[in-house]
Amino acid sequence: MIEERLYAKSLCHEYNQLHPRNIEERETLIKTLLGKTTDRVLPNKRTILHRFVQGIMQ
């Protein structure tokens, strides 16, 4: 579980370092973190990912 959490943290860090215009790579990282996404998730990805990252970083 610790390795999985560190892996998720590293993906979150990588996501946060991406330029906002790099939408395709950002979406790929979100899908990797969440397993899958739908159209309902991606438009609100900033809020959802922020909550997800907050949970991991605690």
N, C-alpha and C. Protein backbone atom coordinates (compact mmCIF):
# COMPACT_ATOMS: atom_id res chain seq x y z
N MET A 1 0.82 -1.19 0.00
CA MET A 1 0.00 0.00 0.00
C MET A 1 0.87 1.26 0.00
N ILE A 2 1.98 1.25 0.70
CA ILE A 2 2.86 2.41 0.76
C ILE A 2 3.42 2.74 -0.63
N GLU A 3 3.84 1.71 -1.37
CA GLU A 3 4.38 1.94 -2.71
C GLU A 3 3.31 2.50 -3.64
N GLU A 4 2.08 2.02 -3.51
CA GLU A 4 0.99 2.52 -4.34
C GLU A 4 0.71 3.99 -4.03
N ARG A 5 0.78 4.33 -2.77
CA ARG A 5 0.55 5.72 -2.38
C ARG A 5 1.66 6.63 -2.91
N LEU A 6 2.90 6.18 -2.82
CA LEU A 6 4.02 6.95 -3.36
C LEU A 6 3.90 7.10 -4.87
N TYR A 7 3.46 6.05 -5.54
CA TYR A 7 3.25 6.10 -6.99
C TYR A 7 2.18 7.15 -7.32
N ALA A 8 1.09 7.15 -6.58
CA ALA A 8 0.03 8.12 -6.80
C ALA A 8 0.52 9.54 -6.53
N LYS A 9 1.31 9.71 -5.49
CA LYS A 9 1.87 11.03 -5.19
C LYS A 9 2.77 11.51 -6.33
N SER A 10 3.56 10.61 -6.88
CA SER A 10 4.45 11.00 -7.97
C SER A 10 3.65 11.39 -9.21
N LEU A 11 2.55 10.68 -9.48
CA LEU A 11 1.69 11.05 -10.60
C LEU A 11 1.03 12.40 -10.37
N CYS A 12 0.63 12.65 -9.15
CA CYS A 12 0.04 13.96 -8.81
C CYS A 12 1.06 15.07 -8.99
N HIS A 13 2.28 14.82 -8.58
CA HIS A 13 3.34 15.81 -8.76
C HIS A 13 3.57 16.08 -10.25
N GLU A 14 3.65 15.01 -11.01
CA GLU A 14 3.84 15.14 -12.46
C GLU A 14 2.69 15.94 -13.08
N TYR A 15 1.46 15.64 -12.66
CA TYR A 15 0.28 16.36 -13.16
C TYR A 15 0.39 17.85 -12.84
N ASN A 16 0.78 18.16 -11.63
CA ASN A 16 0.87 19.56 -11.21
C ASN A 16 1.96 20.33 -11.93
N GLN A 17 2.95 19.64 -12.47
CA GLN A 17 4.04 20.30 -13.18
C GLN A 17 3.71 20.55 -14.65
N LEU A 18 2.65 19.93 -15.15
CA LEU A 18 2.29 20.10 -16.56
C LEU A 18 1.69 21.47 -16.81
N HIS A 19 1.96 21.99 -17.97
CA HIS A 19 1.38 23.26 -18.39
C HIS A 19 -0.13 23.06 -18.58
N PRO A 20 -0.95 24.02 -18.18
CA PRO A 20 -2.41 23.89 -18.31
C PRO A 20 -2.88 23.62 -19.74
N ARG A 21 -2.11 24.04 -20.72
CA ARG A 21 -2.50 23.81 -22.12
C ARG A 21 -2.21 22.39 -22.59
N ASN A 22 -1.49 21.64 -21.81
CA ASN A 22 -1.16 20.26 -22.17
C ASN A 22 -2.31 19.34 -21.74
N ILE A 23 -3.46 19.56 -22.32
CA ILE A 23 -4.69 18.89 -21.91
C ILE A 23 -4.62 17.38 -22.09
N GLU A 24 -4.10 16.93 -23.22
CA GLU A 24 -4.08 15.50 -23.49
C GLU A 24 -3.27 14.73 -22.45
N GLU A 25 -2.09 15.23 -22.12
CA GLU A 25 -1.27 14.54 -21.12
C GLU A 25 -1.89 14.64 -19.73
N ARG A 26 -2.52 15.77 -19.42
CA ARG A 26 -3.20 15.93 -18.13
C ARG A 26 -4.32 14.91 -17.99
N GLU A 27 -5.11 14.75 -19.06
CA GLU A 27 -6.21 13.78 -19.02
C GLU A 27 -5.68 12.35 -18.89
N THR A 28 -4.57 12.07 -19.55
CA THR A 28 -3.96 10.73 -19.44
C THR A 28 -3.56 10.45 -18.00
N LEU A 29 -2.95 11.42 -17.34
CA LEU A 29 -2.55 11.22 -15.94
C LEU A 29 -3.76 11.06 -15.04
N ILE A 30 -4.81 11.81 -15.29
CA ILE A 30 -6.03 11.67 -14.48
C ILE A 30 -6.60 10.27 -14.63
N LYS A 31 -6.64 9.78 -15.87
CA LYS A 31 -7.16 8.44 -16.11
C LYS A 31 -6.28 7.40 -15.42
N THR A 32 -4.98 7.62 -15.40
CA THR A 32 -4.08 6.69 -14.71
C THR A 32 -4.35 6.71 -13.21
N LEU A 33 -4.55 7.89 -12.65
CA LEU A 33 -4.81 8.01 -11.21
C LEU A 33 -6.16 7.43 -10.82
N LEU A 34 -7.18 7.73 -11.60
CA LEU A 34 -8.54 7.34 -11.22
C LEU A 34 -8.98 6.00 -11.79
N GLY A 35 -8.22 5.46 -12.72
CA GLY A 35 -8.59 4.19 -13.32
C GLY A 35 -9.39 4.38 -14.59
N LYS A 36 -10.36 5.25 -14.55
CA LYS A 36 -11.15 5.60 -15.73
C LYS A 36 -11.85 6.91 -15.44
N THR A 37 -12.33 7.55 -16.48
CA THR A 37 -13.05 8.80 -16.32
C THR A 37 -14.22 8.82 -17.28
N THR A 38 -15.14 9.70 -17.05
CA THR A 38 -16.26 9.91 -17.95
C THR A 38 -16.31 11.38 -18.31
N ASP A 39 -17.18 11.75 -19.21
CA ASP A 39 -17.32 13.15 -19.58
C ASP A 39 -17.76 13.98 -18.38
N ARG A 40 -18.44 13.37 -17.44
CA ARG A 40 -18.86 14.12 -16.25
C ARG A 40 -17.68 14.46 -15.36
N VAL A 41 -16.63 13.66 -15.41
CA VAL A 41 -15.47 13.89 -14.55
C VAL A 41 -14.51 14.90 -15.16
N LEU A 42 -14.18 14.73 -16.42
CA LEU A 42 -13.13 15.55 -17.02
C LEU A 42 -13.41 17.05 -17.03
N PRO A 43 -14.63 17.52 -17.30
CA PRO A 43 -14.82 18.97 -17.25
C PRO A 43 -14.56 19.56 -15.88
N ASN A 44 -14.76 18.77 -14.84
CA ASN A 44 -14.55 19.24 -13.47
C ASN A 44 -13.28 18.67 -12.88
N LYS A 45 -12.35 18.30 -13.73
CA LYS A 45 -11.16 17.57 -13.26
C LYS A 45 -10.35 18.32 -12.23
N ARG A 46 -10.31 19.64 -12.31
CA ARG A 46 -9.49 20.39 -11.35
C ARG A 46 -10.02 20.17 -9.93
N THR A 47 -11.33 20.30 -9.74
CA THR A 47 -11.93 20.11 -8.41
C THR A 47 -11.80 18.66 -7.96
N ILE A 48 -12.09 17.73 -8.84
CA ILE A 48 -12.04 16.31 -8.47
C ILE A 48 -10.61 15.90 -8.15
N LEU A 49 -9.67 16.28 -9.01
CA LEU A 49 -8.30 15.90 -8.77
C LEU A 49 -7.77 16.55 -7.50
N HIS A 50 -8.14 17.80 -7.27
CA HIS A 50 -7.69 18.48 -6.05
C HIS A 50 -8.13 17.70 -4.82
N ARG A 51 -9.37 17.27 -4.78
CA ARG A 51 -9.88 16.49 -3.64
C ARG A 51 -9.16 15.16 -3.54
N PHE A 52 -8.92 14.54 -4.69
CA PHE A 52 -8.23 13.25 -4.72
C PHE A 52 -6.82 13.39 -4.18
N VAL A 53 -6.10 14.41 -4.66
CA VAL A 53 -4.72 14.63 -4.23
C VAL A 53 -4.68 14.96 -2.75
N GLN A 54 -5.62 15.75 -2.28
CA GLN A 54 -5.67 16.09 -0.85
C GLN A 54 -5.78 14.80 -0.02
N GLY A 55 -6.59 13.85 -0.47
CA GLY A 55 -6.74 12.59 0.24
C GLY A 55 -5.47 11.78 0.25
N ILE A 56 -4.74 11.77 -0.86
CA ILE A 56 -3.49 11.01 -0.95
C ILE A 56 -2.41 11.65 -0.10
N MET A 57 -2.33 12.97 -0.13
CA MET A 57 -1.23 13.66 0.53
C MET A 57 -1.35 13.66 2.06
N GLN A 58 -2.48 13.27 2.58
CA GLN A 58 -2.65 13.26 4.04
C GLN A 58 -2.00 12.04 4.65
